[in-house]
Structures are given as C-alpha cells and as structure tokens.
Amino acid sequence: MDASDFVLGGLASVGATLFTNPIEVVKTRIQLQGELAARGTYVEPYKGILNAFAAVAKNDGWSGLQKGLVPALYFQFIINSFRLSIYNMALNKGWMHKKNGEVSFGLGLVWGATGGAIGSYFSSPFFMIKTQLQSQAAKQIAVGYQHKHTGMISALVQIYNKRGVFGLWRGSMAAIPRAAIGSGAQIATFGKTKFLLKEYDLVTHATANSFCAGLIAGSIMSVAITPPDVISTRLYNQGWDESGRYKGWLDCCVKILKSEGIYGLYKGFWANYLRIAPHSTLVLLFFDELLLVRDKYILKHKS
C-alpha cells in the first residue's frame, strides 16, 4: 500500500466533511428521535430536514450545526485513508479487473468492503464520540441519550478512565457491517461507473468522469448504508447505564423492527442521502484530483 495514497485518501475526506457535517448532525438527531417507539406515539422535534436545520440553529445556535466536527474529521480521515488507499492499491495491481481488463463490480464490492471494515474498526472511537456530541442538544429538542461531554478530548479521557480501552471501542463490531456494506457499494459502483462512462464515451474528461461516478456511487451507497447507519447511531449513543437496551447489532435491528417497523431502519434517509451523495462525490473527486497532482509532481521530478 502506497503511504501517499493513505494520506491523500484521508485529506480528501477531511475536505468533504467540512461541508457535510451539518447534514450529519441533522441526520443523527432524526435517527434518534422516537427511539423504540411506535410511529405517531412520540413528539417529533425534527419534522423533516429543513425544519431540523431551523430547530438546531434556533435552539443550539448556528455553531450547533457543526457539533462533533473535530471527531468527525478524525473519523473520516482514518476510515477513508484505509478504504481509498486499499481501493487504489487493488485497482493499480489489477485485483479488481476481470481477465479481459474490465473492472469487476463483484471484486470492487470485496475490496471496498475490506477497506471499509478495516477503516471503521480503527476509527470507531471517533465515530462514537462524534455521534454522542452530535446528539447533545438543548432540552427543547433533545433526543436519545444525552452524554455530558464538553469536547472530543474530554470525552476520550472520560471514557478511557471509566471503561478502559474496550470502552473506546464499544460498538465497533456494529460499525464494521455498516462500513463494509456502504463502502463496498460505493467503491464497486464508483470503479465500475468510471470504466463504463469512459468505455461508452459518455464522460471522458477526468474530473467530470470522477464527479459523475462519485454522484452515482453516493446515491447507491445512501440506500445501502441507512439501515446499518441507524443501528450504529443507536448503539454508539446509548448510555452506559442503558447497556441492556441493545445487546448488539442483531438485537438492535430486531428491536427497531418490532417497535418502529421497517420505517425505523430508514429514519433520516433523506438527510443521509443529502449528506452521502455530495460527500461521496467530493471525497472521490478530491481523491482522484489529489492522485493526479501527486502523479504529475512525481513525473516532473523524474524527468
């Protein structure tokens, strides 16, 4: 694995996260409201995406829309460093190609899921802190368990002092299927779409090709990732004194289906879509552009 690919993958995601974190805050709140309650039996402080933005800005201030930004940046840097560098390595070595040279969707799924699973495990503490900080809200619009963190460092220290290293990786097993499904769908679609757009002379310009492929990949990813994303959000945000609420990924899924129905697993879908589609497009576009800059730099200094 090229070390520069690792760093460039992380930098690409950091740039995208600065733009998409407010949507992530809204998405997290919507996923947590009405937790394990039948539809129509609870108060909804967030009645859609625009209403949620207005509610957060009014009650938490405009800065409330960037809650959890710091751990979100760390999370995105780590997970995308792994998954994008692994994707690029597999692509360059021909591990994602069929014998005729065509990019394989199935192999793309495998390598995308592998990179996503590895990256999600190592970035898990930051995903947990991000979720818990994003759920913190004024009493009028509070949903889910309200953790008393004052920032990322204090949260990491507090959890480590009380629960040790295992506490920092609580919920990591739930994050693996989330990342594997989402990353597999995104990477496989991105690689295959780029190939097809070039093959049929639909979009051949490098930047436009990456942009279009990233947009399509993000759309597919949002459909695939929302149910495991809801489950991860619930598991990461549950209080330590609520440890019996969910006993794991499968238990959480079953309880959501029983109490909230299939709708519960797709809470926050449109917010997720509005976050993932542009985020995916920007990450993959930035990554391809950074690779081009790096390759031009190497070529220039070799000649």
C-alpha atoms as a PDB file:
ATOM      1  CA  MET A   1       0.000   0.000   0.000  1.00  0.00           C
ATOM      2  CA  ASP A   2       1.431   3.396  -1.031  1.00  0.00           C
ATOM      3  CA  ALA A   3       1.790   5.678   2.004  1.00  0.00           C
ATOM      4  CA  SER A   4       0.880   8.711  -0.096  1.00  0.00           C
ATOM      5  CA  ASP A   5      -2.397   7.025  -1.130  1.00  0.00           C
ATOM      6  CA  PHE A   6      -3.163   6.573   2.567  1.00  0.00           C
ATOM      7  CA  VAL A   7      -2.611  10.253   3.354  1.00  0.00           C
ATOM      8  CA  LEU A   8      -4.383  11.539   0.232  1.00  0.00           C
ATOM      9  CA  GLY A   9      -7.435   9.371   0.962  1.00  0.00           C
ATOM     10  CA  GLY A  10      -7.692  10.943   4.403  1.00  0.00           C
ATOM     11  CA  LEU A  11      -7.193  14.501   3.158  1.00  0.00           C
ATOM     12  CA  ALA A  12      -9.887  14.060   0.503  1.00  0.00           C
ATOM     13  CA  SER A  13     -12.441  13.087   3.147  1.00  0.00           C
ATOM     14  CA  VAL A  14     -11.476  15.920   5.506  1.00  0.00           C
ATOM     15  CA  GLY A  15     -12.214  18.466   2.787  1.00  0.00           C
ATOM     16  CA  ALA A  16     -15.627  16.932   2.122  1.00  0.00           C
ATOM     17  CA  THR A  17     -16.552  16.668   5.827  1.00  0.00           C
ATOM     18  CA  LEU A  18     -16.201  20.418   6.381  1.00  0.00           C
ATOM     19  CA  PHE A  19     -19.144  20.891   4.018  1.00  0.00           C
ATOM     20  CA  THR A  20     -21.328  17.924   5.008  1.00  0.00           C
ATOM     21  CA  ASN A  21     -21.087  17.795   8.824  1.00  0.00           C
ATOM     22  CA  PRO A  22     -24.204  19.974   9.415  1.00  0.00           C
ATOM     23  CA  ILE A  23     -26.285  17.437   7.485  1.00  0.00           C
ATOM     24  CA  GLU A  24     -24.713  14.687   9.595  1.00  0.00           C
ATOM     25  CA  VAL A  25     -25.869  16.482  12.774  1.00  0.00           C
ATOM     26  CA  VAL A  26     -29.435  16.669  11.449  1.00  0.00           C
ATOM     27  CA  LYS A  27     -29.328  13.040  10.306  1.00  0.00           C
ATOM     28  CA  THR A  28     -28.174  11.834  13.737  1.00  0.00           C
ATOM     29  CA  ARG A  29     -30.958  13.726  15.528  1.00  0.00           C
ATOM     30  CA  ILE A  30     -33.656  12.356  13.198  1.00  0.00           C
ATOM     31  CA  GLN A  31     -32.369   8.803  13.642  1.00  0.00           C
ATOM     32  CA  LEU A  32     -32.549   9.117  17.423  1.00  0.00           C
ATOM     33  CA  GLN A  33     -35.994  10.694  17.783  1.00  0.00           C
ATOM     34  CA  GLY A  34     -38.759   8.274  18.685  1.00  0.00           C
ATOM     35  CA  GLU A  35     -36.255   5.599  19.678  1.00  0.00           C
ATOM     36  CA  LEU A  36     -38.082   2.252  20.122  1.00  0.00           C
ATOM     37  CA  ALA A  37     -41.469   3.990  19.998  1.00  0.00           C
ATOM     38  CA  ALA A  38     -44.240   3.238  17.528  1.00  0.00           C
ATOM     39  CA  ARG A  39     -44.739   5.793  14.780  1.00  0.00           C
ATOM     40  CA  GLY A  40     -47.147   8.544  15.769  1.00  0.00           C
ATOM     41  CA  THR A  41     -46.772   7.983  19.528  1.00  0.00           C
ATOM     42  CA  TYR A  42     -43.973  10.457  20.224  1.00  0.00           C
ATOM     43  CA  VAL A  43     -43.236  14.143  19.853  1.00  0.00           C
ATOM     44  CA  GLU A  44     -41.098  14.939  16.809  1.00  0.00           C
ATOM     45  CA  PRO A  45     -38.858  17.953  17.433  1.00  0.00           C
ATOM     46  CA  TYR A  46     -37.439  17.387  13.939  1.00  0.00           C
ATOM     47  CA  LYS A  47     -40.194  17.310  11.302  1.00  0.00           C
ATOM     48  CA  GLY A  48     -38.050  16.976   8.216  1.00  0.00           C
ATOM     49  CA  ILE A  49     -34.663  18.217   7.071  1.00  0.00           C
ATOM     50  CA  LEU A  50     -35.370  21.944   6.722  1.00  0.00           C
ATOM     51  CA  ASN A  51     -37.305  22.021   9.999  1.00  0.00           C
ATOM     52  CA  ALA A  52     -34.421  20.190  11.696  1.00  0.00           C
ATOM     53  CA  PHE A  53     -31.880  22.729  10.444  1.00  0.00           C
ATOM     54  CA  ALA A  54     -34.065  25.569  11.726  1.00  0.00           C
ATOM     55  CA  ALA A  55     -34.655  23.846  15.092  1.00  0.00           C
ATOM     56  CA  VAL A  56     -30.933  23.251  15.665  1.00  0.00           C
ATOM     57  CA  ALA A  57     -29.979  26.810  14.646  1.00  0.00           C
ATOM     58  CA  LYS A  58     -32.712  28.313  16.856  1.00  0.00           C
ATOM     59  CA  ASN A  59     -32.076  26.237  19.992  1.00  0.00           C
ATOM     60  CA  ASP A  60     -28.374  25.348  19.769  1.00  0.00           C
ATOM     61  CA  GLY A  61     -27.167  28.312  17.727  1.00  0.00           C
ATOM     62  CA  TRP A  62     -25.517  28.175  14.315  1.00  0.00           C
ATOM     63  CA  SER A  63     -22.482  26.503  15.893  1.00  0.00           C
ATOM     64  CA  GLY A  64     -24.798  23.638  16.828  1.00  0.00           C
ATOM     65  CA  LEU A  65     -24.839  22.622  13.168  1.00  0.00           C
ATOM     66  CA  GLN A  66     -21.127  21.823  13.403  1.00  0.00           C
ATOM     67  CA  LYS A  67     -21.301  19.757  16.582  1.00  0.00           C
ATOM     68  CA  GLY A  68     -18.953  16.797  16.547  1.00  0.00           C
ATOM     69  CA  LEU A  69     -16.905  18.268  13.696  1.00  0.00           C
ATOM     70  CA  VAL A  70     -13.489  17.529  15.219  1.00  0.00           C
ATOM     71  CA  PRO A  71     -14.049  13.796  15.881  1.00  0.00           C
ATOM     72  CA  ALA A  72     -15.873  13.616  12.526  1.00  0.00           C
ATOM     73  CA  LEU A  73     -12.707  14.856  10.808  1.00  0.00           C
ATOM     74  CA  TYR A  74     -10.576  12.293  12.637  1.00  0.00           C
ATOM     75  CA  PHE A  75     -13.077   9.534  11.832  1.00  0.00           C
ATOM     76  CA  GLN A  76     -13.274  10.432   8.159  1.00  0.00           C
ATOM     77  CA  PHE A  77      -9.503  10.776   7.809  1.00  0.00           C
ATOM     78  CA  ILE A  78      -8.827   7.335   9.297  1.00  0.00           C
ATOM     79  CA  ILE A  79     -11.602   5.354   7.608  1.00  0.00           C
ATOM     80  CA  ASN A  80     -11.030   6.885   4.178  1.00  0.00           C
ATOM     81  CA  SER A  81      -7.252   6.593   4.432  1.00  0.00           C
ATOM     82  CA  PHE A  82      -7.690   2.849   4.720  1.00  0.00           C
ATOM     83  CA  ARG A  83     -10.531   2.264   2.287  1.00  0.00           C
ATOM     84  CA  LEU A  84      -9.398   4.581  -0.518  1.00  0.00           C
ATOM     85  CA  SER A  85      -5.758   3.508  -0.346  1.00  0.00           C
ATOM     86  CA  ILE A  86      -6.790  -0.167  -0.335  1.00  0.00           C
ATOM     87  CA  TYR A  87      -9.141   0.534  -3.264  1.00  0.00           C
ATOM     88  CA  ASN A  88      -6.404   2.291  -5.235  1.00  0.00           C
ATOM     89  CA  MET A  89      -3.881  -0.453  -4.469  1.00  0.00           C
ATOM     90  CA  ALA A  90      -6.326  -3.149  -5.644  1.00  0.00           C
ATOM     91  CA  LEU A  91      -7.104  -1.126  -8.777  1.00  0.00           C
ATOM     92  CA  ASN A  92      -3.447  -0.494  -9.666  1.00  0.00           C
ATOM     93  CA  LYS A  93      -2.451  -4.107  -9.111  1.00  0.00           C
ATOM     94  CA  GLY A  94      -5.315  -5.378 -11.245  1.00  0.00           C
ATOM     95  CA  TRP A  95      -7.056  -7.152  -8.374  1.00  0.00           C
ATOM     96  CA  MET A  96     -10.366  -5.531  -9.354  1.00  0.00           C
ATOM     97  CA  HIS A  97     -10.187  -6.464 -13.034  1.00  0.00           C
ATOM     98  CA  LYS A  98     -11.514  -9.392 -14.997  1.00  0.00           C
ATOM     99  CA  LYS A  99      -9.258 -11.266 -17.431  1.00  0.00           C
ATOM    100  CA  ASN A 100     -10.463  -9.029 -20.287  1.00  0.00           C
ATOM    101  CA  GLY A 101      -9.336  -5.930 -18.374  1.00  0.00           C
ATOM    102  CA  GLU A 102     -12.833  -4.794 -17.407  1.00  0.00           C
ATOM    103  CA  VAL A 103     -13.383  -3.587 -13.821  1.00  0.00           C
ATOM    104  CA  SER A 104     -15.368  -6.221 -11.894  1.00  0.00           C
ATOM    105  CA  PHE A 105     -18.302  -4.995  -9.807  1.00  0.00           C
ATOM    106  CA  GLY A 106     -18.083  -8.063  -7.553  1.00  0.00           C
ATOM    107  CA  LEU A 107     -14.358  -7.636  -6.867  1.00  0.00           C
ATOM    108  CA  GLY A 108     -14.980  -3.950  -6.269  1.00  0.00           C
ATOM    109  CA  LEU A 109     -17.518  -4.910  -3.614  1.00  0.00           C
ATOM    110  CA  VAL A 110     -14.993  -7.206  -1.940  1.00  0.00           C
ATOM    111  CA  TRP A 111     -12.158  -4.674  -1.851  1.00  0.00           C
ATOM    112  CA  GLY A 112     -14.453  -1.792  -0.947  1.00  0.00           C
ATOM    113  CA  ALA A 113     -15.945  -3.793   1.929  1.00  0.00           C
ATOM    114  CA  THR A 114     -12.484  -4.883   3.109  1.00  0.00           C
ATOM    115  CA  GLY A 115     -11.158  -1.339   3.238  1.00  0.00           C
ATOM    116  CA  GLY A 116     -14.333  -0.063   4.886  1.00  0.00           C
ATOM    117  CA  ALA A 117     -14.294  -2.766   7.572  1.00  0.00           C
ATOM    118  CA  ILE A 118     -10.639  -2.179   8.472  1.00  0.00           C
ATOM    119  CA  GLY A 119     -11.003   1.587   8.474  1.00  0.00           C
ATOM    120  CA  SER A 120     -14.201   1.555  10.532  1.00  0.00           C
ATOM    121  CA  TYR A 121     -12.635  -0.572  13.258  1.00  0.00           C
ATOM    122  CA  PHE A 122      -9.618   1.692  13.742  1.00  0.00           C
ATOM    123  CA  SER A 123     -11.735   4.864  13.563  1.00  0.00           C
ATOM    124  CA  SER A 124     -14.502   3.541  15.830  1.00  0.00           C
ATOM    125  CA  PRO A 125     -13.714   5.671  18.939  1.00  0.00           C
ATOM    126  CA  PHE A 126     -14.042   8.854  16.906  1.00  0.00           C
ATOM    127  CA  PHE A 127     -17.325   7.726  15.343  1.00  0.00           C
ATOM    128  CA  MET A 128     -18.691   7.071  18.831  1.00  0.00           C
ATOM    129  CA  ILE A 129     -17.617  10.475  20.176  1.00  0.00           C
ATOM    130  CA  LYS A 130     -18.898  12.193  17.021  1.00  0.00           C
ATOM    131  CA  THR A 131     -22.325  10.600  17.454  1.00  0.00           C
ATOM    132  CA  GLN A 132     -22.538  11.430  21.151  1.00  0.00           C
ATOM    133  CA  LEU A 133     -21.525  15.069  20.617  1.00  0.00           C
ATOM    134  CA  GLN A 134     -23.906  15.497  17.679  1.00  0.00           C
ATOM    135  CA  SER A 135     -26.820  14.190  19.749  1.00  0.00           C
ATOM    136  CA  GLN A 136     -26.247  16.780  22.501  1.00  0.00           C
ATOM    137  CA  ALA A 137     -28.981  19.384  22.251  1.00  0.00           C
ATOM    138  CA  ALA A 138     -30.979  21.984  24.134  1.00  0.00           C
ATOM    139  CA  LYS A 139     -33.677  20.448  26.340  1.00  0.00           C
ATOM    140  CA  GLN A 140     -36.477  21.536  23.984  1.00  0.00           C
ATOM    141  CA  ILE A 141     -35.125  19.466  21.085  1.00  0.00           C
ATOM    142  CA  ALA A 142     -33.105  16.765  22.880  1.00  0.00           C
ATOM    143  CA  VAL A 143     -33.478  13.211  21.544  1.00  0.00           C
ATOM    144  CA  GLY A 144     -31.750   9.998  22.558  1.00  0.00           C
ATOM    145  CA  TYR A 145     -29.385   9.652  25.492  1.00  0.00           C
ATOM    146  CA  GLN A 146     -27.676  12.935  26.388  1.00  0.00           C
ATOM    147  CA  HIS A 147     -23.981  12.440  27.162  1.00  0.00           C
ATOM    148  CA  LYS A 148     -22.250  15.147  29.193  1.00  0.00           C
ATOM    149  CA  HIS A 149     -19.119  15.595  27.107  1.00  0.00           C
ATOM    150  CA  THR A 150     -17.529  19.021  26.710  1.00  0.00           C
ATOM    151  CA  GLY A 151     -15.396  18.078  23.710  1.00  0.00           C
ATOM    152  CA  MET A 152     -13.549  15.288  21.954  1.00  0.00           C
ATOM    153  CA  ILE A 153     -10.503  15.079  24.243  1.00  0.00           C
ATOM    154  CA  SER A 154     -12.546  15.221  27.447  1.00  0.00           C
ATOM    155  CA  ALA A 155     -14.849  12.520  26.082  1.00  0.00           C
ATOM    156  CA  LEU A 156     -11.950  10.218  25.164  1.00  0.00           C
ATOM    157  CA  VAL A 157     -10.302  10.721  28.579  1.00  0.00           C
ATOM    158  CA  GLN A 158     -13.570  10.262  30.460  1.00  0.00           C
ATOM    159  CA  ILE A 159     -14.477   7.045  28.650  1.00  0.00           C
ATOM    160  CA  TYR A 160     -10.951   5.637  28.965  1.00  0.00           C
ATOM    161  CA  ASN A 161     -10.777   6.392  32.706  1.00  0.00           C
ATOM    162  CA  LYS A 162     -14.154   4.758  33.367  1.00  0.00           C
ATOM    163  CA  ARG A 163     -14.231   1.927  30.820  1.00  0.00           C
ATOM    164  CA  GLY A 164     -10.677   1.438  29.574  1.00  0.00           C
ATOM    165  CA  VAL A 165      -9.633   0.672  26.006  1.00  0.00           C
ATOM    166  CA  PHE A 166     -12.624  -1.617  25.485  1.00  0.00           C
ATOM    167  CA  GLY A 167     -14.920   1.303  26.290  1.00  0.00           C
ATOM    168  CA  LEU A 168     -13.399   3.330  23.459  1.00  0.00           C
ATOM    169  CA  TRP A 169     -14.164   0.523  21.026  1.00  0.00           C
ATOM    170  CA  ARG A 170     -17.707  -0.045  22.245  1.00  0.00           C
ATOM    171  CA  GLY A 171     -19.984  -0.548  19.236  1.00  0.00           C
ATOM    172  CA  SER A 172     -17.088  -1.185  16.861  1.00  0.00           C
ATOM    173  CA  MET A 173     -18.482  -4.559  15.797  1.00  0.00           C
ATOM    174  CA  ALA A 174     -21.689  -2.811  14.705  1.00  0.00           C
ATOM    175  CA  ALA A 175     -19.715  -0.282  12.684  1.00  0.00           C
ATOM    176  CA  ILE A 176     -17.989  -2.977  10.630  1.00  0.00           C
ATOM    177  CA  PRO A 177     -21.099  -4.175   8.710  1.00  0.00           C
ATOM    178  CA  ARG A 178     -22.156  -0.534   8.281  1.00  0.00           C
ATOM    179  CA  ALA A 179     -18.859   0.405   6.694  1.00  0.00           C
ATOM    180  CA  ALA A 180     -18.473  -2.847   4.766  1.00  0.00           C
ATOM    181  CA  ILE A 181     -21.914  -2.518   3.153  1.00  0.00           C
ATOM    182  CA  GLY A 182     -21.647   1.212   2.462  1.00  0.00           C
ATOM    183  CA  SER A 183     -18.025   1.207   1.327  1.00  0.00           C
ATOM    184  CA  GLY A 184     -18.463  -1.930  -0.765  1.00  0.00           C
ATOM    185  CA  ALA A 185     -21.448  -0.442  -2.585  1.00  0.00           C
ATOM    186  CA  GLN A 186     -19.702   2.911  -3.068  1.00  0.00           C
ATOM    187  CA  ILE A 187     -16.294   1.673  -4.223  1.00  0.00           C
ATOM    188  CA  ALA A 188     -17.710  -1.016  -6.505  1.00  0.00           C
ATOM    189  CA  THR A 189     -20.152   1.420  -8.127  1.00  0.00           C
ATOM    190  CA  PHE A 190     -17.508   4.149  -8.454  1.00  0.00           C
ATOM    191  CA  GLY A 191     -14.930   1.944 -10.160  1.00  0.00           C
ATOM    192  CA  LYS A 192     -17.440   0.279 -12.470  1.00  0.00           C
ATOM    193  CA  THR A 193     -19.189   3.546 -13.370  1.00  0.00           C
ATOM    194  CA  LYS A 194     -15.905   5.303 -14.191  1.00  0.00           C
ATOM    195  CA  PHE A 195     -14.991   2.434 -16.501  1.00  0.00           C
ATOM    196  CA  LEU A 196     -18.394   2.396 -18.251  1.00  0.00           C
ATOM    197  CA  LEU A 197     -18.517   6.177 -18.701  1.00  0.00           C
ATOM    198  CA  LYS A 198     -15.149   6.051 -20.438  1.00  0.00           C
ATOM    199  CA  GLU A 199     -15.869   2.829 -22.329  1.00  0.00           C
ATOM    200  CA  TYR A 200     -19.006   4.247 -23.966  1.00  0.00           C
ATOM    201  CA  ASP A 201     -17.543   7.761 -24.430  1.00  0.00           C
ATOM    202  CA  LEU A 202     -20.248   9.286 -22.227  1.00  0.00           C
ATOM    203  CA  VAL A 203     -17.979  11.251 -19.872  1.00  0.00           C
ATOM    204  CA  THR A 204     -14.287  11.048 -20.712  1.00  0.00           C
ATOM    205  CA  HIS A 205     -12.846  14.178 -19.074  1.00  0.00           C
ATOM    206  CA  ALA A 206     -11.042  13.009 -15.910  1.00  0.00           C
ATOM    207  CA  THR A 207     -12.616  15.462 -13.460  1.00  0.00           C
ATOM    208  CA  ALA A 208     -16.126  15.201 -14.919  1.00  0.00           C
ATOM    209  CA  ASN A 209     -15.806  11.408 -15.027  1.00  0.00           C
ATOM    210  CA  SER A 210     -14.879  11.261 -11.328  1.00  0.00           C
ATOM    211  CA  PHE A 211     -17.674  13.699 -10.435  1.00  0.00           C
ATOM    212  CA  CYS A 212     -20.412  11.747 -12.242  1.00  0.00           C
ATOM    213  CA  ALA A 213     -19.178   8.381 -10.989  1.00  0.00           C
ATOM    214  CA  GLY A 214     -18.955   9.732  -7.428  1.00  0.00           C
ATOM    215  CA  LEU A 215     -22.503  11.100  -7.564  1.00  0.00           C
ATOM    216  CA  ILE A 216     -23.923   7.774  -8.758  1.00  0.00           C
ATOM    217  CA  ALA A 217     -21.842   5.860  -6.193  1.00  0.00           C
ATOM    218  CA  GLY A 218     -23.082   8.124  -3.399  1.00  0.00           C
ATOM    219  CA  SER A 219     -26.701   7.565  -4.384  1.00  0.00           C
ATOM    220  CA  ILE A 220     -26.297   3.780  -4.320  1.00  0.00           C
ATOM    221  CA  MET A 221     -24.375   3.988  -1.054  1.00  0.00           C
ATOM    222  CA  SER A 222     -27.090   6.003   0.724  1.00  0.00           C
ATOM    223  CA  VAL A 223     -29.696   3.316   0.014  1.00  0.00           C
ATOM    224  CA  ALA A 224     -27.406   0.531   1.203  1.00  0.00           C
ATOM    225  CA  ILE A 225     -25.996   2.204   4.296  1.00  0.00           C
ATOM    226  CA  THR A 226     -29.028   3.800   6.000  1.00  0.00           C
ATOM    227  CA  PRO A 227     -30.294   0.741   7.977  1.00  0.00           C
ATOM    228  CA  PRO A 228     -26.838  -0.190   9.395  1.00  0.00           C
ATOM    229  CA  ASP A 229     -26.201   3.521   9.979  1.00  0.00           C
ATOM    230  CA  VAL A 230     -29.342   3.827  12.123  1.00  0.00           C
ATOM    231  CA  ILE A 231     -28.260   0.754  14.110  1.00  0.00           C
ATOM    232  CA  SER A 232     -24.730   2.130  14.621  1.00  0.00           C
ATOM    233  CA  THR A 233     -26.071   5.507  15.742  1.00  0.00           C
ATOM    234  CA  ARG A 234     -28.353   3.875  18.325  1.00  0.00           C
ATOM    235  CA  LEU A 235     -25.608   1.575  19.665  1.00  0.00           C
ATOM    236  CA  TYR A 236     -22.950   4.282  19.860  1.00  0.00           C
ATOM    237  CA  ASN A 237     -25.265   6.771  21.553  1.00  0.00           C
ATOM    238  CA  GLN A 238     -26.883   4.535  24.193  1.00  0.00           C
ATOM    239  CA  GLY A 239     -25.857   5.444  27.730  1.00  0.00           C
ATOM    240  CA  TRP A 240     -23.595   3.250  29.811  1.00  0.00           C
ATOM    241  CA  ASP A 241     -26.450   2.810  32.269  1.00  0.00           C
ATOM    242  CA  GLU A 242     -28.634   1.698  29.344  1.00  0.00           C
ATOM    243  CA  SER A 243     -26.358  -1.154  28.308  1.00  0.00           C
ATOM    244  CA  GLY A 244     -29.263  -3.595  28.467  1.00  0.00           C
ATOM    245  CA  ARG A 245     -31.273  -1.680  25.874  1.00  0.00           C
ATOM    246  CA  TYR A 246     -29.328  -3.154  22.955  1.00  0.00           C
ATOM    247  CA  LYS A 247     -27.180  -6.250  23.380  1.00  0.00           C
ATOM    248  CA  GLY A 248     -25.580  -5.968  19.976  1.00  0.00           C
ATOM    249  CA  TRP A 249     -26.097  -5.287  16.270  1.00  0.00           C
ATOM    250  CA  LEU A 250     -28.706  -8.007  15.664  1.00  0.00           C
ATOM    251  CA  ASP A 251     -30.600  -7.305  18.888  1.00  0.00           C
ATOM    252  CA  CYS A 252     -30.797  -3.607  17.975  1.00  0.00           C
ATOM    253  CA  CYS A 253     -32.071  -4.425  14.481  1.00  0.00           C
ATOM    254  CA  VAL A 254     -34.768  -6.764  15.811  1.00  0.00           C
ATOM    255  CA  LYS A 255     -35.941  -4.271  18.452  1.00  0.00           C
ATOM    256  CA  ILE A 256     -36.191  -1.456  15.910  1.00  0.00           C
ATOM    257  CA  LEU A 257     -38.209  -3.639  13.539  1.00  0.00           C
ATOM    258  CA  LYS A 258     -40.547  -4.762  16.337  1.00  0.00           C
ATOM    259  CA  SER A 259     -41.220  -1.298  17.756  1.00  0.00           C
ATOM    260  CA  GLU A 260     -40.749   1.061  14.792  1.00  0.00           C
ATOM    261  CA  GLY A 261     -41.139  -1.195  11.767  1.00  0.00           C
ATOM    262  CA  ILE A 262     -39.069  -1.014   8.591  1.00  0.00           C
ATOM    263  CA  TYR A 263     -39.576   2.766   8.695  1.00  0.00           C
ATOM    264  CA  GLY A 264     -37.378   2.854  11.802  1.00  0.00           C
ATOM    265  CA  LEU A 265     -34.425   1.433   9.885  1.00  0.00           C
ATOM    266  CA  TYR A 266     -34.770   4.180   7.281  1.00  0.00           C
ATOM    267  CA  LYS A 267     -35.117   7.133   9.649  1.00  0.00           C
ATOM    268  CA  GLY A 268     -33.104  10.042   8.381  1.00  0.00           C
ATOM    269  CA  PHE A 269     -32.812   8.539   4.889  1.00  0.00           C
ATOM    270  CA  TRP A 270     -33.156  11.832   3.018  1.00  0.00           C
ATOM    271  CA  ALA A 271     -30.757  13.588   5.368  1.00  0.00           C
ATOM    272  CA  ASN A 272     -28.402  10.644   4.891  1.00  0.00           C
ATOM    273  CA  TYR A 273     -28.797  10.915   1.134  1.00  0.00           C
ATOM    274  CA  LEU A 274     -28.138  14.656   1.152  1.00  0.00           C
ATOM    275  CA  ARG A 275     -25.016  14.018   3.224  1.00  0.00           C
ATOM    276  CA  ILE A 276     -23.670  10.915   1.487  1.00  0.00           C
ATOM    277  CA  ALA A 277     -24.319  11.852  -2.152  1.00  0.00           C
ATOM    278  CA  PRO A 278     -22.342  15.130  -2.066  1.00  0.00           C
ATOM    279  CA  HIS A 279     -19.849  13.746   0.484  1.00  0.00           C
ATOM    280  CA  SER A 280     -19.154  10.694  -1.660  1.00  0.00           C
ATOM    281  CA  THR A 281     -18.861  12.825  -4.783  1.00  0.00           C
ATOM    282  CA  LEU A 282     -16.467  15.270  -3.105  1.00  0.00           C
ATOM    283  CA  VAL A 283     -14.339  12.567  -1.422  1.00  0.00           C
ATOM    284  CA  LEU A 284     -13.873  10.535  -4.587  1.00  0.00           C
ATOM    285  CA  LEU A 285     -13.380  13.645  -6.722  1.00  0.00           C
ATOM    286  CA  PHE A 286     -10.834  15.136  -4.290  1.00  0.00           C
ATOM    287  CA  PHE A 287      -9.046  11.776  -4.085  1.00  0.00           C
ATOM    288  CA  ASP A 288      -8.741  11.424  -7.854  1.00  0.00           C
ATOM    289  CA  GLU A 289      -7.614  15.050  -8.198  1.00  0.00           C
ATOM    290  CA  LEU A 290      -5.003  14.647  -5.438  1.00  0.00           C
ATOM    291  CA  LEU A 291      -3.713  11.499  -7.122  1.00  0.00           C
ATOM    292  CA  LEU A 292      -3.369  13.403 -10.411  1.00  0.00           C
ATOM    293  CA  VAL A 293      -1.452  16.217  -8.679  1.00  0.00           C
ATOM    294  CA  ARG A 294       0.826  13.688  -6.974  1.00  0.00           C
ATOM    295  CA  ASP A 295       1.476  11.753 -10.195  1.00  0.00           C
ATOM    296  CA  LYS A 296       2.259  14.972 -12.112  1.00  0.00           C
ATOM    297  CA  TYR A 297       4.642  16.034  -9.349  1.00  0.00           C
ATOM    298  CA  ILE A 298       6.440  12.659  -9.431  1.00  0.00           C
ATOM    299  CA  LEU A 299       6.637  12.697 -13.226  1.00  0.00           C
ATOM    300  CA  LYS A 300       8.009  16.260 -13.255  1.00  0.00           C
ATOM    301  CA  HIS A 301      10.768  15.469 -10.764  1.00  0.00           C
ATOM    302  CA  LYS A 302      11.733  12.243 -12.547  1.00  0.00           C
ATOM    303  CA  SER A 303      12.268  13.973 -15.881  1.00  0.00           C
END
